[in-house]
Protein backbone atom coordinates (compact mmCIF):
# COMPACT_ATOMS: atom_id res chain seq x y z
CA MET A 1 -9.08 -3.27 -14.27
CA ALA A 2 -10.14 -3.88 -17.78
CA ALA A 3 -8.92 -1.51 -20.41
CA PRO A 4 -11.98 0.29 -21.76
CA LEU A 5 -12.58 0.29 -25.50
CA VAL A 6 -15.31 2.30 -27.18
CA LEU A 7 -15.51 1.80 -30.90
CA SER A 8 -18.05 2.93 -33.42
CA THR A 9 -21.66 2.40 -32.44
CA HIS A 10 -23.03 3.79 -35.70
CA PHE A 11 -25.01 1.29 -37.75
CA SER A 12 -25.70 1.90 -41.40
CA SER A 13 -27.71 -0.17 -43.83
CA SER A 14 -25.53 0.88 -46.74
CA ILE A 15 -22.19 -0.59 -45.78
CA PRO A 16 -20.16 -1.38 -48.89
CA HIS A 17 -19.01 -4.93 -49.30
CA SER A 18 -15.34 -5.59 -49.56
CA THR A 19 -13.48 -8.60 -50.73
CA ASN A 20 -10.38 -7.82 -48.62
CA TYR A 21 -11.29 -9.52 -45.40
CA PRO A 22 -8.95 -8.95 -42.47
CA SER A 23 -8.15 -11.95 -40.36
CA LEU A 24 -9.56 -12.28 -36.87
CA LYS A 25 -6.00 -12.24 -35.48
CA THR A 26 -5.35 -8.91 -37.22
CA LEU A 27 -8.59 -7.45 -35.91
CA HIS A 28 -7.88 -8.64 -32.38
CA ARG A 29 -4.37 -7.17 -32.46
CA SER A 30 -5.58 -3.83 -33.78
CA LEU A 31 -8.21 -3.61 -31.06
CA SER A 32 -5.94 -4.85 -28.24
CA LEU A 33 -8.99 -6.41 -26.66
CA PRO A 34 -8.16 -8.69 -23.69
CA SER A 35 -10.34 -11.66 -23.04
CA SER A 36 -11.42 -10.33 -19.66
CA SER A 37 -12.41 -6.90 -20.95
CA THR A 38 -15.66 -5.48 -19.73
CA SER A 39 -15.93 -3.24 -22.78
CA THR A 40 -18.01 -3.71 -25.90
CA ALA A 41 -16.43 -3.61 -29.30
CA ILE A 42 -18.75 -3.25 -32.27
CA LEU A 43 -17.28 -4.11 -35.63
CA LEU A 44 -19.07 -3.39 -38.84
CA ASN A 45 -16.94 -5.22 -41.41
CA PRO A 46 -18.14 -8.31 -43.30
CA ILE A 47 -16.35 -11.60 -42.91
CA SER A 48 -16.35 -14.82 -44.85
CA LYS A 49 -16.17 -17.32 -41.99
CA PRO A 50 -19.20 -16.94 -39.74
CA ASN A 51 -18.67 -19.91 -37.40
CA ILE A 52 -16.46 -18.27 -34.79
CA ASN A 53 -17.52 -18.71 -31.15
CA SER A 54 -16.48 -15.24 -30.02
CA LEU A 55 -18.68 -13.48 -32.64
CA PHE A 56 -22.37 -12.79 -32.43
CA PHE A 57 -23.99 -12.22 -35.81
CA LEU A 58 -26.78 -9.82 -36.59
CA ASN A 59 -29.55 -10.66 -39.00
CA ARG A 60 -27.61 -8.94 -41.75
CA PRO A 61 -24.85 -11.24 -43.00
CA SER A 62 -22.67 -8.27 -43.97
CA GLN A 63 -22.29 -7.14 -40.40
CA TYR A 64 -21.18 -8.67 -37.17
CA VAL A 65 -20.73 -7.56 -33.63
CA LEU A 66 -17.98 -8.70 -31.34
CA LEU A 67 -19.46 -8.64 -27.88
CA SER A 68 -17.70 -9.01 -24.55
CA ARG A 69 -19.32 -10.51 -21.52
CA LYS A 70 -20.71 -7.27 -20.19
CA PHE A 71 -21.89 -4.00 -21.71
CA VAL A 72 -22.38 -2.17 -18.44
CA ALA A 73 -19.81 -2.19 -15.66
CA ARG A 74 -21.36 -2.13 -12.21
CA THR A 75 -19.33 -0.74 -9.34
CA SER A 76 -19.82 -1.24 -5.62
CA ILE A 77 -21.04 2.35 -5.36
CA ARG A 78 -23.35 2.75 -8.33
CA ASP A 79 -24.12 1.43 -11.81
CA THR A 80 -22.16 3.29 -14.41
CA GLU A 81 -21.49 3.01 -18.10
CA THR A 82 -18.04 1.79 -18.98
CA GLU A 83 -15.60 4.70 -18.91
CA ASP A 84 -11.86 5.28 -19.19
CA SER A 85 -10.59 3.71 -15.97
CA SER A 86 -7.39 2.09 -17.19
CA LEU A 87 -4.64 1.85 -14.59
CA VAL A 88 -2.05 4.58 -14.57
CA GLY A 89 -0.25 3.29 -11.48
CA GLU A 90 0.83 -0.24 -10.63
CA ASP A 91 -1.36 -3.17 -9.67
CA SER A 92 -0.40 -3.73 -6.04
CA ALA A 93 0.25 -7.00 -4.21
CA VAL A 94 0.74 -8.98 -7.41
CA PHE A 95 2.69 -12.15 -6.64
CA ASP A 96 3.39 -14.48 -9.54
CA PHE A 97 4.95 -17.77 -8.42
CA GLU A 98 6.32 -18.37 -11.91
CA GLN A 99 8.41 -15.20 -11.69
CA GLN A 100 9.85 -15.96 -8.26
CA LYS A 101 13.38 -17.27 -7.84
CA ILE A 102 14.23 -19.55 -4.95
CA SER A 103 17.66 -17.95 -4.76
CA SER A 104 16.11 -14.51 -4.23
CA TRP A 105 14.09 -15.69 -1.24
CA VAL A 106 17.11 -17.52 0.16
CA TYR A 107 19.03 -14.24 -0.04
CA PHE A 108 16.09 -12.45 1.60
CA THR A 109 16.02 -14.93 4.50
CA VAL A 110 19.77 -14.68 5.00
CA ILE A 111 19.72 -10.88 4.87
CA LEU A 112 16.81 -10.71 7.32
CA GLY A 113 18.63 -13.00 9.73
CA VAL A 114 21.85 -11.00 9.50
CA VAL A 115 20.02 -7.70 10.02
CA LEU A 116 18.15 -8.96 13.10
CA PHE A 117 21.33 -10.43 14.57
CA ALA A 118 23.27 -7.21 13.97
CA LEU A 119 20.42 -5.12 15.38
CA ASN A 120 20.43 -7.17 18.56
CA VAL A 121 24.21 -7.04 19.04
CA VAL A 122 24.80 -3.43 18.03
CA TRP A 123 21.68 -1.84 19.50
CA ILE A 124 19.28 -3.95 21.59
CA ASP A 125 21.52 -6.07 23.84
CA ASN A 126 22.41 -3.88 26.82
CA SER A 127 25.79 -5.57 27.24
CA THR A 128 27.00 -4.83 23.71
CA GLY A 129 24.61 -2.37 22.07
CA TYR A 130 24.17 1.38 22.12
CA GLY A 131 20.39 1.44 22.47
CA LYS A 132 20.32 1.99 26.24
CA ALA A 133 22.98 4.68 26.03
CA PHE A 134 20.89 6.45 23.38
CA ILE A 135 17.74 6.32 25.52
CA ASP A 136 19.66 7.49 28.60
CA ALA A 137 21.09 10.42 26.65
CA VAL A 138 17.66 11.51 25.43
CA SER A 139 16.10 10.94 28.87
CA GLY A 140 18.65 13.32 30.36
CA LEU A 141 17.06 16.18 28.42
CA SER A 142 13.87 16.20 30.51
CA ASP A 143 12.15 14.58 33.47
CA SER A 144 8.88 14.41 31.55
CA HIS A 145 8.05 11.13 29.83
CA GLU A 146 5.80 13.06 27.47
CA VAL A 147 8.67 15.30 26.37
CA ILE A 148 11.05 12.35 25.95
CA MET A 149 8.43 10.54 23.88
CA LEU A 150 8.06 13.55 21.60
CA ILE A 151 11.85 13.94 21.26
CA LEU A 152 12.29 10.29 20.29
CA ILE A 153 9.55 10.59 17.67
CA LEU A 154 11.07 13.83 16.38
CA ILE A 155 14.50 12.21 16.00
CA PHE A 156 13.06 9.19 14.20
CA ALA A 157 10.80 11.31 12.00
CA GLY A 158 13.62 13.66 11.06
CA VAL A 159 15.94 10.83 10.06
CA HIS A 160 13.27 8.72 8.36
CA SER A 161 11.62 11.50 6.34
CA GLY A 162 14.89 13.32 5.77
CA MET A 163 16.58 10.28 4.28
CA ALA A 164 13.48 9.56 2.21
CA SER A 165 13.70 13.08 0.78
CA LEU A 166 17.37 12.59 -0.07
CA ARG A 167 16.73 9.23 -1.70
CA GLU A 168 16.71 10.30 -5.34
CA THR A 169 19.93 12.29 -5.01
CA ALA A 170 21.74 9.75 -2.82
CA GLU A 171 20.84 6.80 -5.05
CA LYS A 172 22.61 8.50 -7.94
CA VAL A 173 25.77 8.64 -5.83
CA ILE A 174 25.90 5.26 -4.07
CA GLY A 175 23.20 3.25 -5.87
CA GLU A 176 19.72 2.05 -4.93
CA ARG A 177 20.73 -1.03 -2.95
CA ALA A 178 23.46 0.67 -0.94
CA TYR A 179 21.16 3.53 -0.01
CA ARG A 180 18.40 1.13 1.04
CA VAL A 181 20.86 -0.63 3.39
CA LEU A 182 21.99 2.73 4.81
CA PHE A 183 18.40 3.91 5.22
CA ALA A 184 17.34 0.76 7.05
CA GLY A 185 20.51 0.61 9.11
CA ILE A 186 19.84 4.05 10.60
CA SER A 187 16.02 4.08 10.73
CA LEU A 188 15.47 0.63 12.23
CA PRO A 189 17.40 1.16 15.52
CA LEU A 190 15.67 4.51 16.06
CA ALA A 191 12.27 2.93 15.44
CA VAL A 192 13.02 0.12 17.91
CA SER A 193 14.10 2.62 20.57
CA THR A 194 10.93 4.67 20.13
CA VAL A 195 8.65 1.62 20.29
CA VAL A 196 10.41 0.12 23.33
CA TYR A 197 10.25 3.42 25.23
CA PHE A 198 6.55 3.75 24.40
CA ILE A 199 5.79 0.23 25.61
CA ASN A 200 7.71 0.73 28.87
CA HIS A 201 6.18 4.12 29.68
CA ARG A 202 2.76 3.93 28.05
CA TYR A 203 0.96 4.00 31.42
CA ASP A 204 3.08 6.78 32.92
CA GLY A 205 1.84 10.33 33.05
CA LEU A 206 -1.58 11.75 33.75
CA GLN A 207 -4.63 9.56 33.17
CA LEU A 208 -7.01 11.57 31.00
CA TRP A 209 -9.82 9.04 30.55
CA GLN A 210 -10.56 5.40 31.18
CA VAL A 211 -12.67 3.44 28.71
CA GLN A 212 -11.05 0.00 28.83
CA ASN A 213 -14.00 -1.42 30.76
CA VAL A 214 -16.58 0.01 28.40
CA PRO A 215 -18.24 -2.82 26.42
CA GLY A 216 -17.16 -2.96 22.81
CA VAL A 217 -14.18 -0.59 23.13
CA HIS A 218 -11.61 -3.40 23.12
CA GLN A 219 -13.11 -4.91 19.98
CA LEU A 220 -13.26 -1.50 18.29
CA VAL A 221 -9.63 -0.72 19.14
CA TRP A 222 -8.51 -4.18 18.04
CA PHE A 223 -10.29 -3.81 14.70
CA ALA A 224 -8.87 -0.31 14.16
CA ASN A 225 -5.34 -1.55 14.82
CA PHE A 226 -5.80 -4.51 12.50
CA VAL A 227 -7.08 -2.26 9.73
CA SER A 228 -4.24 0.23 10.21
CA PHE A 229 -1.55 -2.43 9.82
CA PHE A 230 -3.43 -4.07 6.96
CA PHE A 231 -3.69 -0.70 5.21
CA LEU A 232 -0.05 0.07 5.96
CA TYR A 233 1.17 -2.90 3.92
CA PRO A 234 1.40 -1.03 0.59
CA SER A 235 4.68 0.45 1.82
CA THR A 236 6.18 -3.04 1.77
CA PHE A 237 4.42 -4.69 -1.17
CA ASN A 238 7.75 -5.87 -2.55
CA LEU A 239 9.72 -7.44 0.29
CA LEU A 240 12.61 -8.28 -2.00
CA GLU A 241 13.07 -4.57 -2.62
CA VAL A 242 12.82 -3.80 1.09
CA ALA A 243 15.75 -6.14 1.69
CA ALA A 244 17.55 -4.76 -1.39
CA VAL A 245 17.57 -8.20 -3.05
CA ASP A 246 15.78 -6.57 -5.97
CA LYS A 247 16.69 -3.02 -6.93
CA PRO A 248 14.49 -0.68 -4.82
CA LYS A 249 12.05 1.53 -6.72
CA LEU A 250 9.62 4.32 -5.89
CA HIS A 251 6.29 2.73 -6.79
CA LEU A 252 3.03 4.36 -7.78
CA TRP A 253 0.51 1.82 -6.46
CA GLU A 254 -3.12 2.24 -7.49
CA THR A 255 -5.16 -0.87 -6.68
CA GLY A 256 -6.16 -2.71 -3.53
CA ILE A 257 -5.79 -0.63 -0.36
CA MET A 258 -4.81 2.40 -2.40
CA ARG A 259 -8.39 2.66 -3.68
CA ILE A 260 -9.48 3.18 -0.06
CA THR A 261 -6.68 5.37 1.32
CA ARG A 262 -3.14 6.36 0.40
CA HIS A 263 -2.02 7.08 3.98
CA PRO A 264 -3.59 4.90 6.71
CA GLN A 265 -1.11 5.26 9.58
CA VAL A 266 -3.12 7.75 11.67
CA ILE A 267 -5.67 5.04 12.54
CA TRP A 268 -3.14 3.20 14.73
CA CYS A 269 -2.31 6.36 16.70
CA LEU A 270 -5.92 7.20 17.44
CA ALA A 271 -6.81 3.63 18.43
CA HIS A 272 -4.00 3.35 20.99
CA THR A 273 -4.76 6.79 22.39
CA VAL A 274 -8.41 5.90 22.92
CA TRP A 275 -7.47 2.61 24.61
CA ILE A 276 -4.77 3.83 27.01
CA GLY A 277 -6.05 7.35 27.54
CA ASN A 278 -3.12 9.02 29.32
CA SER A 279 -0.78 11.92 28.61
CA VAL A 280 2.18 9.82 27.42
CA THR A 281 0.07 8.05 24.82
CA ALA A 282 -1.52 11.34 23.81
CA ALA A 283 1.95 12.85 23.33
CA ALA A 284 3.01 9.84 21.24
CA SER A 285 -0.15 10.11 19.18
CA ILE A 286 0.35 13.83 18.56
CA GLY A 287 3.97 13.27 17.54
CA LEU A 288 3.20 10.36 15.23
CA ILE A 289 0.20 12.04 13.62
CA GLY A 290 2.36 15.10 12.97
CA HIS A 291 4.99 12.83 11.40
CA HIS A 292 2.39 11.06 9.29
CA LEU A 293 0.86 14.32 8.08
CA PHE A 294 4.30 15.47 7.02
CA GLY A 295 4.79 12.06 5.40
CA VAL A 296 1.58 12.56 3.44
CA TRP A 297 2.88 15.82 2.01
CA ASN A 298 6.42 14.59 1.50
CA GLY A 299 5.37 11.28 -0.04
CA ASP A 300 2.99 12.95 -2.47
CA ARG A 301 5.67 15.51 -3.34
CA ARG A 302 8.17 12.77 -4.19
CA LEU A 303 5.64 10.84 -6.25
CA ALA A 304 4.60 13.98 -8.11
CA LYS A 305 8.23 14.74 -8.89
CA ARG A 306 8.88 11.18 -10.07
CA TYR A 307 5.65 10.43 -11.98
CA GLY A 308 4.26 13.86 -12.87
CA LYS A 309 0.88 13.74 -14.57
CA ASP A 310 0.39 10.04 -13.82
CA PHE A 311 0.52 10.74 -10.09
CA GLU A 312 -1.96 13.60 -10.45
CA ILE A 313 -4.38 11.17 -12.10
CA VAL A 314 -3.94 8.60 -9.32
CA LYS A 315 -4.20 11.31 -6.67
CA ASP A 316 -7.50 12.49 -8.15
CA ARG A 317 -8.88 8.93 -8.04
CA THR A 318 -7.79 8.23 -4.45
CA SER A 319 -7.91 9.93 -1.06
CA ILE A 320 -6.01 10.34 2.19
CA VAL A 321 -9.14 9.99 4.32
CA PRO A 322 -10.31 6.35 4.08
CA PHE A 323 -13.22 5.81 1.65
CA ALA A 324 -13.52 9.55 0.83
CA ALA A 325 -12.77 9.13 -2.88
CA ILE A 326 -15.23 6.24 -3.09
CA LEU A 327 -18.04 8.11 -1.37
CA ASP A 328 -17.70 11.24 -3.49
CA GLY A 329 -17.52 9.23 -6.73
CA ARG A 330 -13.91 9.86 -7.73
CA GLN A 331 -13.01 6.20 -7.17
CA ARG A 332 -15.25 3.72 -8.96
CA LEU A 333 -14.62 0.25 -7.64
CA PRO A 334 -14.60 -2.59 -10.18
CA LYS A 335 -17.16 -5.31 -9.63
CA ASN A 336 -14.58 -7.85 -8.51
CA PHE A 337 -12.72 -5.40 -6.27
CA TYR A 338 -12.45 -7.99 -3.50
CA LYS A 339 -10.21 -10.14 -5.71
CA GLU A 340 -7.48 -7.52 -5.41
CA PHE A 341 -7.15 -8.64 -1.77
CA ILE A 342 -7.21 -12.39 -2.36
CA ARG A 343 -3.50 -12.45 -3.06
CA LEU A 344 -0.64 -14.04 -1.17
CA PRO A 345 0.90 -10.78 0.12
CA TYR A 346 -2.40 -9.72 1.68
CA LEU A 347 -2.93 -13.16 3.21
CA ALA A 348 0.60 -12.99 4.62
CA ILE A 349 0.10 -9.55 6.18
CA THR A 350 -3.19 -10.75 7.67
CA ALA A 351 -1.37 -13.60 9.41
CA LEU A 352 1.44 -11.30 10.57
CA THR A 353 -1.01 -8.70 11.90
CA LEU A 354 -2.89 -11.32 13.89
CA GLY A 355 0.42 -12.72 15.10
CA ALA A 356 1.54 -9.28 16.29
CA TYR A 357 -1.64 -8.94 18.34
CA PHE A 358 -1.16 -12.25 20.12
CA ALA A 359 2.55 -11.47 20.58
CA HIS A 360 1.80 -8.32 22.60
CA PRO A 361 2.62 -9.99 25.97
CA LEU A 362 5.98 -11.14 24.60
CA MET A 363 6.72 -7.68 23.20
CA GLN A 364 5.85 -6.07 26.53
CA SER A 365 7.98 -8.43 28.62
CA SER A 366 10.93 -8.13 26.24
CA SER A 367 10.75 -4.34 26.34
CA PHE A 368 10.48 -4.29 30.14
CA ASN A 369 13.60 -6.45 30.48
CA LEU A 370 15.62 -3.87 28.57
CA HIS A 371 14.92 -1.18 31.22
CA TRP A 372 14.96 1.61 28.66
């Protein structure tokens, strides 16, 4: 987003001449005008060197006007005069190759490999892990797959959101990196257990409706799932922080997906419920939507506590419901809004989302072999 500048637009024919001419460099620094600004700066001081490419001279030699490329900023919703729309939050999905360190990504790869290996040995592998014992213990609480599904989601949601709420306090005690490792070490096994149980029992229970043979439903569900995962990516914009290679931070993202929605997870729940259409999936959807709604409140609460007025500004410009802020005029998209998505992180998540779709048969067979 360009930083808007509105300077004097008052023209007078009786401007006094001065012999103390400021340099162009001084003027540029005082205005803080970036080359890509969409604002218009009008300067009414005389200069002695008229042959400067970035200046457009009026008929009066004692005046000049410094013009940018555009006077009116056009958004994807409506044409609007340039207004104060400078970023308060962070520009999301920025990936500068010049700032990347090979050593950091080597550490990330090693850490990812170690985490996956440990997860398999300690939790997933039935011969060494505790995952099956955990599922068996929860399954002993009820004969209903719907109830078990809700209990698993409740356990995961309580741990995940609870630890997120304790983050600020805990980080002061053990540090950001240590708490990130602890958070992931507890949340990840619970998430895997919940997903595996859902995959294995998704067609159990009472069939409520059947629309899988209806033309266009598969494509609609596929698109909804793709969008939900694509929208979900803001939570992992900085993978080096996720793996605790860089010091984890609580970010206030404002661009890209955040212009459309701050909390997109509900889309996935609804899409799977429509596709499968039975009581187990409905129970999972109800549980996850409840968790996400709590996450909306809890996430906004944490951001408000951390960023104060800045978050309130971002909150006013964005929405929870996709496209709501755009449609009611609170979010004015810049003309080149699409460029916020032509970035390596978004291209990577697109590839991963497509890969996850085609990997569904492998995910299903792997889950079935666990017998959870």
